[in-house]
Amino acid sequence: RAEPPGWLAAAREAWRAPYEGARRTAIVPIWRRPWMVVGRD
């Protein structure tokens, strides 16, 4: 029951411009023993 905060508008603006450079691939481990990585969605 509150107005959306100003920082939320600032965050939208920070992410507004699309990326246009060369792309890279990555794996993103989040745990070891056992190794786990970020997957889908």
All heavy atoms as atom14 arrays in JSON, in Angstrom:
{
  "sequence": "RAEPPGWLAAAREAWRAPYEGARRTAIVPIWRRPWMVVGRD",
  "atom14_mask": [
    [1, 1, 1, 1, 1, 1, 1, 1, 1, 1, 1, 0, 0, 0],
    [1, 1, 1, 1, 1, 0, 0, 0, 0, 0, 0, 0, 0, 0],
    [1, 1, 1, 1, 1, 1, 1, 1, 1, 0, 0, 0, 0, 0],
    [1, 1, 1, 1, 1, 1, 1, 0, 0, 0, 0, 0, 0, 0],
    [1, 1, 1, 1, 1, 1, 1, 0, 0, 0, 0, 0, 0, 0],
    [1, 1, 1, 1, 0, 0, 0, 0, 0, 0, 0, 0, 0, 0],
    [1, 1, 1, 1, 1, 1, 1, 1, 1, 1, 1, 1, 1, 1],
    [1, 1, 1, 1, 1, 1, 1, 1, 0, 0, 0, 0, 0, 0],
    [1, 1, 1, 1, 1, 0, 0, 0, 0, 0, 0, 0, 0, 0],
    [1, 1, 1, 1, 1, 0, 0, 0, 0, 0, 0, 0, 0, 0],
    [1, 1, 1, 1, 1, 0, 0, 0, 0, 0, 0, 0, 0, 0],
    [1, 1, 1, 1, 1, 1, 1, 1, 1, 1, 1, 0, 0, 0],
    [1, 1, 1, 1, 1, 1, 1, 1, 1, 0, 0, 0, 0, 0],
    [1, 1, 1, 1, 1, 0, 0, 0, 0, 0, 0, 0, 0, 0],
    [1, 1, 1, 1, 1, 1, 1, 1, 1, 1, 1, 1, 1, 1],
    [1, 1, 1, 1, 1, 1, 1, 1, 1, 1, 1, 0, 0, 0],
    [1, 1, 1, 1, 1, 0, 0, 0, 0, 0, 0, 0, 0, 0],
    [1, 1, 1, 1, 1, 1, 1, 0, 0, 0, 0, 0, 0, 0],
    [1, 1, 1, 1, 1, 1, 1, 1, 1, 1, 1, 1, 0, 0],
    [1, 1, 1, 1, 1, 1, 1, 1, 1, 0, 0, 0, 0, 0],
    [1, 1, 1, 1, 0, 0, 0, 0, 0, 0, 0, 0, 0, 0],
    [1, 1, 1, 1, 1, 0, 0, 0, 0, 0, 0, 0, 0, 0],
    [1, 1, 1, 1, 1, 1, 1, 1, 1, 1, 1, 0, 0, 0],
    [1, 1, 1, 1, 1, 1, 1, 1, 1, 1, 1, 0, 0, 0],
    [1, 1, 1, 1, 1, 1, 1, 0, 0, 0, 0, 0, 0, 0],
    [1, 1, 1, 1, 1, 0, 0, 0, 0, 0, 0, 0, 0, 0],
    [1, 1, 1, 1, 1, 1, 1, 1, 0, 0, 0, 0, 0, 0],
    [1, 1, 1, 1, 1, 1, 1, 0, 0, 0, 0, 0, 0, 0],
    [1, 1, 1, 1, 1, 1, 1, 0, 0, 0, 0, 0, 0, 0],
    [1, 1, 1, 1, 1, 1, 1, 1, 0, 0, 0, 0, 0, 0],
    [1, 1, 1, 1, 1, 1, 1, 1, 1, 1, 1, 1, 1, 1],
    [1, 1, 1, 1, 1, 1, 1, 1, 1, 1, 1, 0, 0, 0],
    [1, 1, 1, 1, 1, 1, 1, 1, 1, 1, 1, 0, 0, 0],
    [1, 1, 1, 1, 1, 1, 1, 0, 0, 0, 0, 0, 0, 0],
    [1, 1, 1, 1, 1, 1, 1, 1, 1, 1, 1, 1, 1, 1],
    [1, 1, 1, 1, 1, 1, 1, 1, 0, 0, 0, 0, 0, 0],
    [1, 1, 1, 1, 1, 1, 1, 0, 0, 0, 0, 0, 0, 0],
    [1, 1, 1, 1, 1, 1, 1, 0, 0, 0, 0, 0, 0, 0],
    [1, 1, 1, 1, 0, 0, 0, 0, 0, 0, 0, 0, 0, 0],
    [1, 1, 1, 1, 1, 1, 1, 1, 1, 1, 1, 0, 0, 0],
    [1, 1, 1, 1, 1, 1, 1, 1, 0, 0, 0, 0, 0, 0]
  ],
  "atom14_positions": [
    [[0.84, -1.21, 0.0], [0.0, 0.0, 0.0], [0.87, 1.25, 0.0], [0.67, 2.18, 0.78], [-0.93, 0.02, 1.22], [-1.85, -1.18, 1.35], [-2.85, -1.27, 0.22], [-3.92, -2.24, 0.53], [-4.84, -2.61, -0.35], [-4.84, -2.12, -1.59], [-5.78, -3.49, -0.01], [0.0, 0.0, 0.0], [0.0, 0.0, 0.0], [0.0, 0.0, 0.0]],
    [[1.86, 1.26, -0.9], [2.81, 2.38, -0.94], [3.09, 2.77, -2.39], [2.89, 1.98, -3.32], [4.11, 1.99, -0.25], [0.0, 0.0, 0.0], [0.0, 0.0, 0.0], [0.0, 0.0, 0.0], [0.0, 0.0, 0.0], [0.0, 0.0, 0.0], [0.0, 0.0, 0.0], [0.0, 0.0, 0.0], [0.0, 0.0, 0.0], [0.0, 0.0, 0.0]],
    [[3.56, 3.99, -2.57], [3.98, 4.45, -3.88], [5.28, 3.74, -4.28], [6.15, 3.52, -3.44], [4.2, 5.96, -3.88], [2.94, 6.78, -3.71], [2.01, 6.63, -4.91], [2.51, 6.54, -6.04], [0.79, 6.59, -4.71], [0.0, 0.0, 0.0], [0.0, 0.0, 0.0], [0.0, 0.0, 0.0], [0.0, 0.0, 0.0], [0.0, 0.0, 0.0]],
    [[5.42, 3.38, -5.55], [6.7, 2.79, -5.99], [7.84, 3.75, -5.69], [7.72, 4.96, -5.9], [6.49, 2.61, -7.5], [5.01, 2.49, -7.66], [4.42, 3.41, -6.63], [0.0, 0.0, 0.0], [0.0, 0.0, 0.0], [0.0, 0.0, 0.0], [0.0, 0.0, 0.0], [0.0, 0.0, 0.0], [0.0, 0.0, 0.0], [0.0, 0.0, 0.0]],
    [[8.96, 3.25, -5.17], [10.06, 4.12, -4.74], [10.83, 4.72, -5.9], [10.84, 4.19, -7.02], [10.95, 3.17, -3.93], [10.68, 1.82, -4.52], [9.23, 1.83, -4.9], [0.0, 0.0, 0.0], [0.0, 0.0, 0.0], [0.0, 0.0, 0.0], [0.0, 0.0, 0.0], [0.0, 0.0, 0.0], [0.0, 0.0, 0.0], [0.0, 0.0, 0.0]],
    [[11.53, 5.8, -5.62], [12.35, 6.46, -6.63], [13.47, 5.58, -7.13], [13.84, 5.65, -8.32], [0.0, 0.0, 0.0], [0.0, 0.0, 0.0], [0.0, 0.0, 0.0], [0.0, 0.0, 0.0], [0.0, 0.0, 0.0], [0.0, 0.0, 0.0], [0.0, 0.0, 0.0], [0.0, 0.0, 0.0], [0.0, 0.0, 0.0], [0.0, 0.0, 0.0]],
    [[14.03, 4.75, -6.25], [15.13, 3.9, -6.69], [14.7, 2.9, -7.76], [15.5, 2.45, -8.58], [15.81, 3.19, -5.53], [14.96, 2.27, -4.71], [14.42, 2.53, -3.48], [14.55, 0.93, -5.03], [13.69, 1.46, -3.03], [13.75, 0.46, -3.96], [14.77, 0.09, -6.13], [13.18, -0.82, -3.95], [14.19, -1.18, -6.12], [13.41, -1.62, -5.05]],
    [[13.4, 2.53, -7.77], [12.92, 1.6, -8.78], [12.93, 2.25, -10.16], [13.32, 1.62, -11.15], [11.52, 1.11, -8.42], [10.91, 0.03, -9.3], [11.81, -1.18, -9.4], [9.54, -0.38, -8.77], [0.0, 0.0, 0.0], [0.0, 0.0, 0.0], [0.0, 0.0, 0.0], [0.0, 0.0, 0.0], [0.0, 0.0, 0.0], [0.0, 0.0, 0.0]],
    [[12.55, 3.51, -10.23], [12.62, 4.25, -11.5], [14.07, 4.4, -11.95], [14.38, 4.28, -13.14], [11.96, 5.61, -11.35], [0.0, 0.0, 0.0], [0.0, 0.0, 0.0], [0.0, 0.0, 0.0], [0.0, 0.0, 0.0], [0.0, 0.0, 0.0], [0.0, 0.0, 0.0], [0.0, 0.0, 0.0], [0.0, 0.0, 0.0], [0.0, 0.0, 0.0]],
    [[14.97, 4.65, -11.0], [16.39, 4.78, -11.34], [16.95, 3.45, -11.85], [17.79, 3.43, -12.77], [17.17, 5.25, -10.11], [0.0, 0.0, 0.0], [0.0, 0.0, 0.0], [0.0, 0.0, 0.0], [0.0, 0.0, 0.0], [0.0, 0.0, 0.0], [0.0, 0.0, 0.0], [0.0, 0.0, 0.0], [0.0, 0.0, 0.0], [0.0, 0.0, 0.0]],
    [[16.49, 2.35, -11.29], [16.95, 1.03, -11.74], [16.46, 0.75, -13.17], [17.22, 0.23, -14.0], [16.46, -0.05, -10.78], [0.0, 0.0, 0.0], [0.0, 0.0, 0.0], [0.0, 0.0, 0.0], [0.0, 0.0, 0.0], [0.0, 0.0, 0.0], [0.0, 0.0, 0.0], [0.0, 0.0, 0.0], [0.0, 0.0, 0.0], [0.0, 0.0, 0.0]],
    [[15.21, 1.08, -13.45], [14.71, 0.91, -14.82], [15.58, 1.67, -15.81], [15.92, 1.17, -16.88], [13.27, 1.41, -14.91], [12.2, 0.53, -14.27], [10.83, 1.15, -14.54], [9.76, 0.52, -13.82], [9.05, -0.51, -14.27], [9.34, -1.02, -15.46], [8.07, -1.03, -13.56], [0.0, 0.0, 0.0], [0.0, 0.0, 0.0], [0.0, 0.0, 0.0]],
    [[15.93, 2.89, -15.46], [16.74, 3.72, -16.35], [18.14, 3.13, -16.52], [18.71, 3.14, -17.62], [16.83, 5.14, -15.8], [17.63, 6.1, -16.65], [17.03, 6.31, -18.04], [15.82, 6.08, -18.23], [17.81, 6.68, -18.96], [0.0, 0.0, 0.0], [0.0, 0.0, 0.0], [0.0, 0.0, 0.0], [0.0, 0.0, 0.0], [0.0, 0.0, 0.0]],
    [[18.7, 2.58, -15.44], [20.05, 2.01, -15.5], [20.12, 0.82, -16.45], [21.16, 0.55, -17.06], [20.51, 1.59, -14.11], [0.0, 0.0, 0.0], [0.0, 0.0, 0.0], [0.0, 0.0, 0.0], [0.0, 0.0, 0.0], [0.0, 0.0, 0.0], [0.0, 0.0, 0.0], [0.0, 0.0, 0.0], [0.0, 0.0, 0.0], [0.0, 0.0, 0.0]],
    [[18.99, 0.08, -16.57], [18.96, -1.11, -17.42], [18.29, -0.86, -18.77], [18.07, -1.79, -19.53], [18.22, -2.24, -16.7], [19.01, -2.85, -15.58], [18.99, -2.51, -14.27], [19.97, -3.91, -15.7], [19.85, -3.29, -13.55], [20.47, -4.17, -14.4], [20.44, -4.67, -16.77], [21.42, -5.15, -14.15], [21.39, -5.65, -16.52], [21.86, -5.88, -15.22]],
    [[17.95, 0.39, -19.07], [17.14, 0.68, -20.25], [17.88, 0.4, -21.57], [17.32, -0.21, -22.48], [16.7, 2.14, -20.22], [15.82, 2.56, -21.41], [15.42, 4.02, -21.27], [16.58, 4.88, -21.21], [17.25, 5.3, -22.28], [16.9, 4.9, -23.5], [18.3, 6.09, -22.14], [0.0, 0.0, 0.0], [0.0, 0.0, 0.0], [0.0, 0.0, 0.0]],
    [[19.12, 0.81, -21.68], [19.84, 0.69, -22.95], [20.22, -0.77, -23.22], [20.81, -1.42, -22.36], [21.1, 1.56, -22.92], [0.0, 0.0, 0.0], [0.0, 0.0, 0.0], [0.0, 0.0, 0.0], [0.0, 0.0, 0.0], [0.0, 0.0, 0.0], [0.0, 0.0, 0.0], [0.0, 0.0, 0.0], [0.0, 0.0, 0.0], [0.0, 0.0, 0.0]],
    [[19.92, -1.3, -24.4], [20.29, -2.68, -24.73], [21.78, -2.81, -24.98], [22.45, -1.85, -25.4], [19.49, -2.97, -26.0], [19.31, -1.63, -26.63], [19.17, -0.65, -25.5], [0.0, 0.0, 0.0], [0.0, 0.0, 0.0], [0.0, 0.0, 0.0], [0.0, 0.0, 0.0], [0.0, 0.0, 0.0], [0.0, 0.0, 0.0], [0.0, 0.0, 0.0]],
    [[22.32, -3.99, -24.74], [23.73, -4.26, -25.0], [23.94, -4.42, -26.5], [23.18, -5.1, -27.18], [24.16, -5.53, -24.27], [25.61, -5.9, -24.51], [26.62, -5.3, -23.77], [25.95, -6.83, -25.47], [27.95, -5.63, -23.98], [27.28, -7.17, -25.69], [28.28, -6.56, -24.95], [29.59, -6.88, -25.18], [0.0, 0.0, 0.0], [0.0, 0.0, 0.0]],
    [[25.01, -3.81, -27.01], [25.25, -3.84, -28.45], [26.67, -4.29, -28.82], [27.05, -4.25, -29.98], [24.98, -2.46, -29.05], [23.53, -2.01, -28.92], [23.29, -0.64, -29.52], [24.3, 0.08, -29.77], [22.12, -0.27, -29.72], [0.0, 0.0, 0.0], [0.0, 0.0, 0.0], [0.0, 0.0, 0.0], [0.0, 0.0, 0.0], [0.0, 0.0, 0.0]],
    [[27.45, -4.74, -27.88], [28.82, -5.15, -28.17], [28.94, -6.62, -28.54], [27.95, -7.31, -28.77], [0.0, 0.0, 0.0], [0.0, 0.0, 0.0], [0.0, 0.0, 0.0], [0.0, 0.0, 0.0], [0.0, 0.0, 0.0], [0.0, 0.0, 0.0], [0.0, 0.0, 0.0], [0.0, 0.0, 0.0], [0.0, 0.0, 0.0], [0.0, 0.0, 0.0]],
    [[30.2, -7.1, -28.57], [30.45, -8.52, -28.85], [29.98, -9.35, -27.66], [30.07, -8.94, -26.51], [31.94, -8.73, -29.08], [0.0, 0.0, 0.0], [0.0, 0.0, 0.0], [0.0, 0.0, 0.0], [0.0, 0.0, 0.0], [0.0, 0.0, 0.0], [0.0, 0.0, 0.0], [0.0, 0.0, 0.0], [0.0, 0.0, 0.0], [0.0, 0.0, 0.0]],
    [[29.48, -10.53, -27.95], [28.94, -11.39, -26.9], [29.97, -12.42, -26.47], [30.86, -12.81, -27.26], [27.65, -12.07, -27.36], [26.57, -11.09, -27.82], [25.21, -11.73, -27.84], [24.75, -12.09, -26.49], [24.17, -11.22, -25.64], [23.98, -9.96, -25.99], [23.77, -11.62, -24.45], [0.0, 0.0, 0.0], [0.0, 0.0, 0.0], [0.0, 0.0, 0.0]],
    [[29.86, -12.85, -25.22], [30.75, -13.87, -24.67], [29.92, -14.98, -24.05], [28.76, -14.79, -23.7], [31.68, -13.25, -23.61], [32.67, -12.24, -24.18], [33.49, -11.6, -23.08], [32.69, -10.71, -22.25], [33.12, -10.12, -21.13], [34.36, -10.38, -20.7], [32.35, -9.31, -20.45], [0.0, 0.0, 0.0], [0.0, 0.0, 0.0], [0.0, 0.0, 0.0]],
    [[30.53, -16.13, -23.87], [29.87, -17.26, -23.2], [30.4, -17.39, -21.78], [31.51, -16.95, -21.47], [30.1, -18.57, -23.95], [31.52, -18.83, -23.99], [29.55, -18.5, -25.37], [0.0, 0.0, 0.0], [0.0, 0.0, 0.0], [0.0, 0.0, 0.0], [0.0, 0.0, 0.0], [0.0, 0.0, 0.0], [0.0, 0.0, 0.0], [0.0, 0.0, 0.0]],
    [[29.59, -18.03, -20.93], [30.01, -18.18, -19.53], [29.36, -19.4, -18.9], [28.33, -19.89, -19.35], [29.63, -16.94, -18.73], [0.0, 0.0, 0.0], [0.0, 0.0, 0.0], [0.0, 0.0, 0.0], [0.0, 0.0, 0.0], [0.0, 0.0, 0.0], [0.0, 0.0, 0.0], [0.0, 0.0, 0.0], [0.0, 0.0, 0.0], [0.0, 0.0, 0.0]],
    [[30.01, -19.88, -17.86], [29.37, -20.78, -16.9], [29.35, -20.04, -15.57], [30.21, -19.19, -15.3], [30.11, -22.13, -16.77], [31.57, -21.92, -16.36], [30.03, -22.92, -18.07], [32.31, -23.21, -16.04], [0.0, 0.0, 0.0], [0.0, 0.0, 0.0], [0.0, 0.0, 0.0], [0.0, 0.0, 0.0], [0.0, 0.0, 0.0], [0.0, 0.0, 0.0]],
    [[28.34, -20.36, -14.74], [28.17, -19.63, -13.47], [28.04, -20.63, -12.33], [26.92, -21.02, -11.95], [26.94, -18.71, -13.52], [26.93, -17.78, -12.29], [26.91, -17.9, -14.8], [0.0, 0.0, 0.0], [0.0, 0.0, 0.0], [0.0, 0.0, 0.0], [0.0, 0.0, 0.0], [0.0, 0.0, 0.0], [0.0, 0.0, 0.0], [0.0, 0.0, 0.0]],
    [[29.15, -21.09, -11.77], [29.06, -21.99, -10.62], [28.43, -21.27, -9.41], [28.71, -20.09, -9.17], [30.51, -22.35, -10.34], [31.23, -22.09, -11.63], [30.53, -20.9, -12.2], [0.0, 0.0, 0.0], [0.0, 0.0, 0.0], [0.0, 0.0, 0.0], [0.0, 0.0, 0.0], [0.0, 0.0, 0.0], [0.0, 0.0, 0.0], [0.0, 0.0, 0.0]],
    [[27.6, -22.0, -8.67], [27.04, -21.45, -7.44], [27.4, -22.31, -6.23], [27.09, -21.93, -5.11], [25.51, -21.31, -7.54], [24.86, -22.67, -7.83], [25.13, -20.28, -8.59], [23.36, -22.69, -7.65], [0.0, 0.0, 0.0], [0.0, 0.0, 0.0], [0.0, 0.0, 0.0], [0.0, 0.0, 0.0], [0.0, 0.0, 0.0], [0.0, 0.0, 0.0]],
    [[28.02, -23.48, -6.48], [28.41, -24.38, -5.38], [29.52, -25.29, -5.85], [29.69, -25.5, -7.05], [27.22, -25.2, -4.9], [27.37, -25.68, -3.48], [27.72, -26.94, -3.07], [27.2, -24.89, -2.3], [27.78, -26.98, -1.7], [27.46, -25.74, -1.19], [26.83, -23.55, -2.08], [27.39, -25.28, 0.12], [26.76, -23.11, -0.77], [27.04, -23.97, 0.31]],
    [[30.28, -25.8, -4.91], [31.28, -26.82, -5.22], [31.17, -27.93, -4.19], [30.72, -27.73, -3.08], [32.69, -26.22, -5.25], [33.16, -25.62, -3.95], [34.51, -24.88, -4.11], [35.53, -25.75, -4.64], [36.76, -25.33, -4.98], [37.09, -24.05, -4.85], [37.65, -26.16, -5.46], [0.0, 0.0, 0.0], [0.0, 0.0, 0.0], [0.0, 0.0, 0.0]],
    [[31.59, -29.13, -4.6], [31.44, -30.32, -3.76], [29.98, -30.57, -3.39], [29.64, -30.52, -2.2], [32.34, -30.23, -2.51], [33.81, -30.23, -2.85], [34.67, -30.23, -1.6], [34.49, -29.03, -0.79], [35.18, -27.91, -0.97], [36.07, -27.8, -1.94], [34.98, -26.88, -0.18], [0.0, 0.0, 0.0], [0.0, 0.0, 0.0], [0.0, 0.0, 0.0]],
    [[29.08, -30.86, -4.31], [29.33, -31.02, -5.74], [29.22, -29.68, -6.47], [28.62, -28.73, -5.97], [28.19, -31.94, -6.18], [27.05, -31.52, -5.29], [27.68, -31.2, -3.96], [0.0, 0.0, 0.0], [0.0, 0.0, 0.0], [0.0, 0.0, 0.0], [0.0, 0.0, 0.0], [0.0, 0.0, 0.0], [0.0, 0.0, 0.0], [0.0, 0.0, 0.0]],
    [[29.78, -29.68, -7.69], [29.69, -28.48, -8.5], [28.26, -28.31, -9.01], [27.66, -29.25, -9.54], [30.67, -28.53, -9.67], [32.08, -28.33, -9.25], [32.99, -29.3, -8.93], [32.74, -27.08, -9.06], [34.18, -28.73, -8.54], [34.05, -27.36, -8.61], [32.34, -25.75, -9.22], [34.97, -26.35, -8.33], [33.26, -24.74, -8.94], [34.56, -25.05, -8.49]],
    [[27.72, -27.12, -8.84], [26.4, -26.76, -9.35], [26.53, -25.43, -10.09], [27.33, -24.57, -9.7], [25.38, -26.64, -8.21], [25.17, -27.92, -7.44], [24.06, -27.67, -6.02], [22.53, -27.25, -6.87], [0.0, 0.0, 0.0], [0.0, 0.0, 0.0], [0.0, 0.0, 0.0], [0.0, 0.0, 0.0], [0.0, 0.0, 0.0], [0.0, 0.0, 0.0]],
    [[25.73, -25.28, -11.14], [25.79, -24.05, -11.94], [24.39, -23.5, -12.18], [23.39, -24.19, -12.0], [26.49, -24.3, -13.3], [27.93, -24.76, -13.1], [25.71, -25.31, -14.13], [0.0, 0.0, 0.0], [0.0, 0.0, 0.0], [0.0, 0.0, 0.0], [0.0, 0.0, 0.0], [0.0, 0.0, 0.0], [0.0, 0.0, 0.0], [0.0, 0.0, 0.0]],
    [[24.35, -22.28, -12.61], [23.1, -21.65, -13.01], [22.63, -22.28, -14.32], [23.41, -22.39, -15.28], [23.28, -20.13, -13.18], [22.05, -19.5, -13.81], [23.58, -19.5, -11.82], [0.0, 0.0, 0.0], [0.0, 0.0, 0.0], [0.0, 0.0, 0.0], [0.0, 0.0, 0.0], [0.0, 0.0, 0.0], [0.0, 0.0, 0.0], [0.0, 0.0, 0.0]],
    [[21.37, -22.71, -14.36], [20.82, -23.33, -15.56], [19.76, -22.46, -16.22], [19.99, -21.27, -16.46], [0.0, 0.0, 0.0], [0.0, 0.0, 0.0], [0.0, 0.0, 0.0], [0.0, 0.0, 0.0], [0.0, 0.0, 0.0], [0.0, 0.0, 0.0], [0.0, 0.0, 0.0], [0.0, 0.0, 0.0], [0.0, 0.0, 0.0], [0.0, 0.0, 0.0]],
    [[18.6, -23.04, -16.48], [17.57, -22.35, -17.27], [16.73, -21.39, -16.41], [16.59, -21.54, -15.22], [16.63, -23.38, -17.89], [15.84, -24.19, -16.88], [14.74, -25.01, -17.52], [14.01, -25.79, -16.52], [13.01, -25.3, -15.79], [12.62, -24.05, -15.96], [12.4, -26.05, -14.9], [0.0, 0.0, 0.0], [0.0, 0.0, 0.0], [0.0, 0.0, 0.0]],
    [[16.15, -20.39, -17.09], [15.1, -19.54, -16.53], [15.47, -18.93, -15.18], [14.73, -19.06, -14.2], [13.79, -20.33, -16.38], [13.3, -20.88, -17.71], [13.63, -20.29, -18.75], [12.59, -21.89, -17.7], [0.0, 0.0, 0.0], [0.0, 0.0, 0.0], [0.0, 0.0, 0.0], [0.0, 0.0, 0.0], [0.0, 0.0, 0.0], [0.0, 0.0, 0.0]]
  ]
}
